[in-house]
Amino acid sequence: MVMGLETKTLAELEELASTLRSQIARNPDHTSIEKVELEDVEGWIKSRRKEAKPGPRSDDDTAS
């Protein structure tokens, strides 16, 4: 179900995480796959947020 996470936007990942959390909340005793998928999605969310943080730019060539 969670294929292609690397191509999803942060918003898509957050929506997917929300859906998985809802599934887990509705049926917590039978959601081992969803829990693993949620861990994967949360990892990608963390990665996307890290990428989105502004950092020092070493490739700034506006001085040329």
PDB file of N, CA and C in Angstrom:
ATOM      1  N   MET A   1       0.813  -1.198   0.000  1.00  0.00           N
ATOM      2  CA  MET A   1       0.000   0.000   0.000  1.00  0.00           C
ATOM      3  C   MET A   1       0.856   1.262   0.000  1.00  0.00           C
ATOM      4  N   VAL A   2       1.977   1.268   0.654  1.00  0.00           N
ATOM      5  CA  VAL A   2       2.765   2.477   0.832  1.00  0.00           C
ATOM      6  C   VAL A   2       3.952   2.489  -0.127  1.00  0.00           C
ATOM      7  N   MET A   3       3.701   2.166  -1.355  1.00  0.00           N
ATOM      8  CA  MET A   3       4.792   2.147  -2.319  1.00  0.00           C
ATOM      9  C   MET A   3       5.005   3.551  -2.873  1.00  0.00           C
ATOM     10  N   GLY A   4       6.233   3.861  -3.219  1.00  0.00           N
ATOM     11  CA  GLY A   4       6.552   5.136  -3.825  1.00  0.00           C
ATOM     12  C   GLY A   4       6.590   6.302  -2.854  1.00  0.00           C
ATOM     13  N   LEU A   5       6.924   6.037  -1.602  1.00  0.00           N
ATOM     14  CA  LEU A   5       6.959   7.114  -0.616  1.00  0.00           C
ATOM     15  C   LEU A   5       7.968   8.183  -0.995  1.00  0.00           C
ATOM     16  N   GLU A   6       9.051   7.786  -1.654  1.00  0.00           N
ATOM     17  CA  GLU A   6      10.101   8.743  -1.990  1.00  0.00           C
ATOM     18  C   GLU A   6       9.620   9.797  -2.984  1.00  0.00           C
ATOM     19  N   THR A   7       8.513   9.538  -3.679  1.00  0.00           N
ATOM     20  CA  THR A   7       8.009  10.499  -4.663  1.00  0.00           C
ATOM     21  C   THR A   7       6.874  11.357  -4.119  1.00  0.00           C
ATOM     22  N   LYS A   8       6.426  11.085  -2.898  1.00  0.00           N
ATOM     23  CA  LYS A   8       5.300  11.826  -2.331  1.00  0.00           C
ATOM     24  C   LYS A   8       5.771  13.140  -1.697  1.00  0.00           C
ATOM     25  N   THR A   9       4.885  14.122  -1.741  1.00  0.00           N
ATOM     26  CA  THR A   9       5.174  15.402  -1.102  1.00  0.00           C
ATOM     27  C   THR A   9       4.957  15.267   0.395  1.00  0.00           C
ATOM     28  N   LEU A  10       5.404  16.266   1.129  1.00  0.00           N
ATOM     29  CA  LEU A  10       5.205  16.280   2.572  1.00  0.00           C
ATOM     30  C   LEU A  10       3.714  16.226   2.898  1.00  0.00           C
ATOM     31  N   ALA A  11       2.912  16.982   2.190  1.00  0.00           N
ATOM     32  CA  ALA A  11       1.463  16.991   2.442  1.00  0.00           C
ATOM     33  C   ALA A  11       0.853  15.610   2.193  1.00  0.00           C
ATOM     34  N   GLU A  12       1.277  14.949   1.130  1.00  0.00           N
ATOM     35  CA  GLU A  12       0.763  13.607   0.837  1.00  0.00           C
ATOM     36  C   GLU A  12       1.174  12.617   1.921  1.00  0.00           C
ATOM     37  N   LEU A  13       2.406  12.736   2.374  1.00  0.00           N
ATOM     38  CA  LEU A  13       2.886  11.850   3.440  1.00  0.00           C
ATOM     39  C   LEU A  13       2.109  12.070   4.727  1.00  0.00           C
ATOM     40  N   GLU A  14       1.853  13.326   5.057  1.00  0.00           N
ATOM     41  CA  GLU A  14       1.109  13.624   6.275  1.00  0.00           C
ATOM     42  C   GLU A  14      -0.325  13.108   6.190  1.00  0.00           C
ATOM     43  N   GLU A  15      -0.920  13.199   5.018  1.00  0.00           N
ATOM     44  CA  GLU A  15      -2.277  12.674   4.824  1.00  0.00           C
ATOM     45  C   GLU A  15      -2.284  11.153   4.972  1.00  0.00           C
ATOM     46  N   LEU A  16      -1.287  10.506   4.408  1.00  0.00           N
ATOM     47  CA  LEU A  16      -1.171   9.055   4.527  1.00  0.00           C
ATOM     48  C   LEU A  16      -0.973   8.636   5.981  1.00  0.00           C
ATOM     49  N   ALA A  17      -0.134   9.365   6.698  1.00  0.00           N
ATOM     50  CA  ALA A  17       0.096   9.069   8.114  1.00  0.00           C
ATOM     51  C   ALA A  17      -1.207   9.210   8.901  1.00  0.00           C
ATOM     52  N   SER A  18      -1.973  10.225   8.589  1.00  0.00           N
ATOM     53  CA  SER A  18      -3.247  10.438   9.271  1.00  0.00           C
ATOM     54  C   SER A  18      -4.204   9.273   9.008  1.00  0.00           C
ATOM     55  N   THR A  19      -4.254   8.823   7.779  1.00  0.00           N
ATOM     56  CA  THR A  19      -5.107   7.683   7.424  1.00  0.00           C
ATOM     57  C   THR A  19      -4.679   6.428   8.170  1.00  0.00           C
ATOM     58  N   LEU A  20      -3.383   6.186   8.219  1.00  0.00           N
ATOM     59  CA  LEU A  20      -2.874   5.006   8.927  1.00  0.00           C
ATOM     60  C   LEU A  20      -3.178   5.091  10.419  1.00  0.00           C
ATOM     61  N   ARG A  21      -3.012   6.276  11.002  1.00  0.00           N
ATOM     62  CA  ARG A  21      -3.328   6.440  12.429  1.00  0.00           C
ATOM     63  C   ARG A  21      -4.801   6.149  12.697  1.00  0.00           C
ATOM     64  N   SER A  22      -5.669   6.585  11.797  1.00  0.00           N
ATOM     65  CA  SER A  22      -7.108   6.321  11.947  1.00  0.00           C
ATOM     66  C   SER A  22      -7.404   4.829  11.879  1.00  0.00           C
ATOM     67  N   GLN A  23      -6.766   4.136  10.932  1.00  0.00           N
ATOM     68  CA  GLN A  23      -6.950   2.686  10.813  1.00  0.00           C
ATOM     69  C   GLN A  23      -6.493   1.976  12.077  1.00  0.00           C
ATOM     70  N   ILE A  24      -5.374   2.402  12.608  1.00  0.00           N
ATOM     71  CA  ILE A  24      -4.825   1.784  13.819  1.00  0.00           C
ATOM     72  C   ILE A  24      -5.751   2.052  15.007  1.00  0.00           C
ATOM     73  N   ALA A  25      -6.265   3.261  15.099  1.00  0.00           N
ATOM     74  CA  ALA A  25      -7.158   3.614  16.212  1.00  0.00           C
ATOM     75  C   ALA A  25      -8.456   2.816  16.160  1.00  0.00           C
ATOM     76  N   ARG A  26      -8.960   2.573  14.949  1.00  0.00           N
ATOM     77  CA  ARG A  26     -10.214   1.832  14.809  1.00  0.00           C
ATOM     78  C   ARG A  26     -10.077   0.365  15.163  1.00  0.00           C
ATOM     79  N   ASN A  27      -8.912  -0.213  14.898  1.00  0.00           N
ATOM     80  CA  ASN A  27      -8.737  -1.642  15.112  1.00  0.00           C
ATOM     81  C   ASN A  27      -7.313  -1.935  15.589  1.00  0.00           C
ATOM     82  N   PRO A  28      -6.977  -1.528  16.808  1.00  0.00           N
ATOM     83  CA  PRO A  28      -5.584  -1.612  17.286  1.00  0.00           C
ATOM     84  C   PRO A  28      -5.035  -3.032  17.415  1.00  0.00           C
ATOM     85  N   ASP A  29      -5.889  -4.026  17.497  1.00  0.00           N
ATOM     86  CA  ASP A  29      -5.411  -5.398  17.669  1.00  0.00           C
ATOM     87  C   ASP A  29      -5.023  -6.095  16.368  1.00  0.00           C
ATOM     88  N   HIS A  30      -5.381  -5.517  15.231  1.00  0.00           N
ATOM     89  CA  HIS A  30      -5.120  -6.163  13.947  1.00  0.00           C
ATOM     90  C   HIS A  30      -4.477  -5.196  12.958  1.00  0.00           C
ATOM     91  N   THR A  31      -3.485  -4.470  13.407  1.00  0.00           N
ATOM     92  CA  THR A  31      -2.893  -3.446  12.539  1.00  0.00           C
ATOM     93  C   THR A  31      -1.368  -3.489  12.519  1.00  0.00           C
ATOM     94  N   SER A  32      -0.793  -4.651  12.626  1.00  0.00           N
ATOM     95  CA  SER A  32       0.671  -4.712  12.655  1.00  0.00           C
ATOM     96  C   SER A  32       1.288  -4.181  11.358  1.00  0.00           C
ATOM     97  N   ILE A  33       0.674  -4.474  10.226  1.00  0.00           N
ATOM     98  CA  ILE A  33       1.208  -3.981   8.954  1.00  0.00           C
ATOM     99  C   ILE A  33       1.085  -2.461   8.890  1.00  0.00           C
ATOM    100  N   GLU A  34      -0.067  -1.942   9.321  1.00  0.00           N
ATOM    101  CA  GLU A  34      -0.267  -0.502   9.303  1.00  0.00           C
ATOM    102  C   GLU A  34       0.726   0.209  10.217  1.00  0.00           C
ATOM    103  N   LYS A  35       1.056  -0.411  11.346  1.00  0.00           N
ATOM    104  CA  LYS A  35       2.024   0.204  12.263  1.00  0.00           C
ATOM    105  C   LYS A  35       3.403   0.298  11.617  1.00  0.00           C
ATOM    106  N   VAL A  36       3.797  -0.733  10.906  1.00  0.00           N
ATOM    107  CA  VAL A  36       5.085  -0.720  10.208  1.00  0.00           C
ATOM    108  C   VAL A  36       5.057   0.335   9.103  1.00  0.00           C
ATOM    109  N   GLU A  37       3.948   0.372   8.358  1.00  0.00           N
ATOM    110  CA  GLU A  37       3.819   1.373   7.295  1.00  0.00           C
ATOM    111  C   GLU A  37       3.879   2.785   7.875  1.00  0.00           C
ATOM    112  N   LEU A  38       3.220   2.996   9.017  1.00  0.00           N
ATOM    113  CA  LEU A  38       3.225   4.310   9.652  1.00  0.00           C
ATOM    114  C   LEU A  38       4.647   4.702  10.049  1.00  0.00           C
ATOM    115  N   GLU A  39       5.419   3.764  10.553  1.00  0.00           N
ATOM    116  CA  GLU A  39       6.819   4.056  10.903  1.00  0.00           C
ATOM    117  C   GLU A  39       7.588   4.512   9.662  1.00  0.00           C
ATOM    118  N   ASP A  40       7.363   3.819   8.540  1.00  0.00           N
ATOM    119  CA  ASP A  40       8.030   4.202   7.297  1.00  0.00           C
ATOM    120  C   ASP A  40       7.622   5.604   6.858  1.00  0.00           C
ATOM    121  N   VAL A  41       6.322   5.861   6.891  1.00  0.00           N
ATOM    122  CA  VAL A  41       5.810   7.165   6.473  1.00  0.00           C
ATOM    123  C   VAL A  41       6.361   8.261   7.378  1.00  0.00           C
ATOM    124  N   GLU A  42       6.374   8.017   8.679  1.00  0.00           N
ATOM    125  CA  GLU A  42       6.904   9.023   9.610  1.00  0.00           C
ATOM    126  C   GLU A  42       8.387   9.297   9.358  1.00  0.00           C
ATOM    127  N   GLY A  43       9.121   8.269   8.969  1.00  0.00           N
ATOM    128  CA  GLY A  43      10.526   8.461   8.616  1.00  0.00           C
ATOM    129  C   GLY A  43      10.682   9.364   7.404  1.00  0.00           C
ATOM    130  N   TRP A  44       9.819   9.159   6.403  1.00  0.00           N
ATOM    131  CA  TRP A  44       9.866  10.008   5.214  1.00  0.00           C
ATOM    132  C   TRP A  44       9.432  11.426   5.532  1.00  0.00           C
ATOM    133  N   ILE A  45       8.440  11.578   6.421  1.00  0.00           N
ATOM    134  CA  ILE A  45       8.008  12.917   6.828  1.00  0.00           C
ATOM    135  C   ILE A  45       9.167  13.652   7.479  1.00  0.00           C
ATOM    136  N   LYS A  46       9.867  12.970   8.364  1.00  0.00           N
ATOM    137  CA  LYS A  46      11.019  13.574   9.034  1.00  0.00           C
ATOM    138  C   LYS A  46      12.075  13.999   8.009  1.00  0.00           C
ATOM    139  N   SER A  47      12.307  13.141   7.039  1.00  0.00           N
ATOM    140  CA  SER A  47      13.278  13.438   5.994  1.00  0.00           C
ATOM    141  C   SER A  47      12.850  14.650   5.164  1.00  0.00           C
ATOM    142  N   ARG A  48      11.570  14.698   4.786  1.00  0.00           N
ATOM    143  CA  ARG A  48      11.063  15.829   3.992  1.00  0.00           C
ATOM    144  C   ARG A  48      11.166  17.137   4.779  1.00  0.00           C
ATOM    145  N   ARG A  49      10.862  17.087   6.063  1.00  0.00           N
ATOM    146  CA  ARG A  49      10.944  18.301   6.883  1.00  0.00           C
ATOM    147  C   ARG A  49      12.385  18.776   6.995  1.00  0.00           C
ATOM    148  N   LYS A  50      13.302  17.826   7.101  1.00  0.00           N
ATOM    149  CA  LYS A  50      14.728  18.162   7.184  1.00  0.00           C
ATOM    150  C   LYS A  50      15.175  18.835   5.891  1.00  0.00           C
ATOM    151  N   GLU A  51      14.718  18.295   4.754  1.00  0.00           N
ATOM    152  CA  GLU A  51      15.056  18.876   3.451  1.00  0.00           C
ATOM    153  C   GLU A  51      14.488  20.282   3.305  1.00  0.00           C
ATOM    154  N   ALA A  52      13.315  20.514   3.891  1.00  0.00           N
ATOM    155  CA  ALA A  52      12.636  21.795   3.733  1.00  0.00           C
ATOM    156  C   ALA A  52      13.232  22.896   4.609  1.00  0.00           C
ATOM    157  N   LYS A  53      13.983  22.511   5.632  1.00  0.00           N
ATOM    158  CA  LYS A  53      14.579  23.519   6.516  1.00  0.00           C
ATOM    159  C   LYS A  53      15.608  24.333   5.744  1.00  0.00           C
ATOM    160  N   PRO A  54      15.516  25.639   5.860  1.00  0.00           N
ATOM    161  CA  PRO A  54      16.547  26.456   5.206  1.00  0.00           C
ATOM    162  C   PRO A  54      17.868  26.314   5.946  1.00  0.00           C
ATOM    163  N   GLY A  55      18.901  26.157   5.191  1.00  0.00           N
ATOM    164  CA  GLY A  55      20.224  26.004   5.788  1.00  0.00           C
ATOM    165  C   GLY A  55      21.212  26.896   5.077  1.00  0.00           C
ATOM    166  N   PRO A  56      22.445  26.856   5.503  1.00  0.00           N
ATOM    167  CA  PRO A  56      23.467  27.657   4.817  1.00  0.00           C
ATOM    168  C   PRO A  56      23.620  27.200   3.377  1.00  0.00           C
ATOM    169  N   ARG A  57      23.708  28.143   2.488  1.00  0.00           N
ATOM    170  CA  ARG A  57      23.795  27.803   1.063  1.00  0.00           C
ATOM    171  C   ARG A  57      25.232  27.925   0.591  1.00  0.00           C
ATOM    172  N   SER A  58      25.821  26.829   0.264  1.00  0.00           N
ATOM    173  CA  SER A  58      27.190  26.855  -0.233  1.00  0.00           C
ATOM    174  C   SER A  58      27.223  27.029  -1.744  1.00  0.00           C
ATOM    175  N   ASP A  59      26.055  26.890  -2.400  1.00  0.00           N
ATOM    176  CA  ASP A  59      26.020  26.999  -3.855  1.00  0.00           C
ATOM    177  C   ASP A  59      25.473  28.349  -4.303  1.00  0.00           C
ATOM    178  N   ASP A  60      25.515  29.336  -3.431  1.00  0.00           N
ATOM    179  CA  ASP A  60      24.999  30.660  -3.760  1.00  0.00           C
ATOM    180  C   ASP A  60      26.004  31.375  -4.672  1.00  0.00           C
ATOM    181  N   ASP A  61      25.587  31.587  -5.920  1.00  0.00           N
ATOM    182  CA  ASP A  61      26.500  32.206  -6.877  1.00  0.00           C
ATOM    183  C   ASP A  61      25.993  33.569  -7.314  1.00  0.00           C
ATOM    184  N   THR A  62      25.283  34.270  -6.447  1.00  0.00           N
ATOM    185  CA  THR A  62      24.754  35.578  -6.800  1.00  0.00           C
ATOM    186  C   THR A  62      25.846  36.634  -6.896  1.00  0.00           C
ATOM    187  N   ALA A  63      27.041  36.363  -6.397  1.00  0.00           N
ATOM    188  CA  ALA A  63      28.128  37.340  -6.443  1.00  0.00           C
ATOM    189  C   ALA A  63      28.797  37.381  -7.802  1.00  0.00           C
ATOM    190  N   SER A  64      28.466  36.458  -8.709  1.00  0.00           N
ATOM    191  CA  SER A  64      29.141  36.452  -9.999  1.00  0.00           C
ATOM    192  C   SER A  64      28.514  37.357 -11.014  1.00  0.00           C
TER     193      SER A  64
END
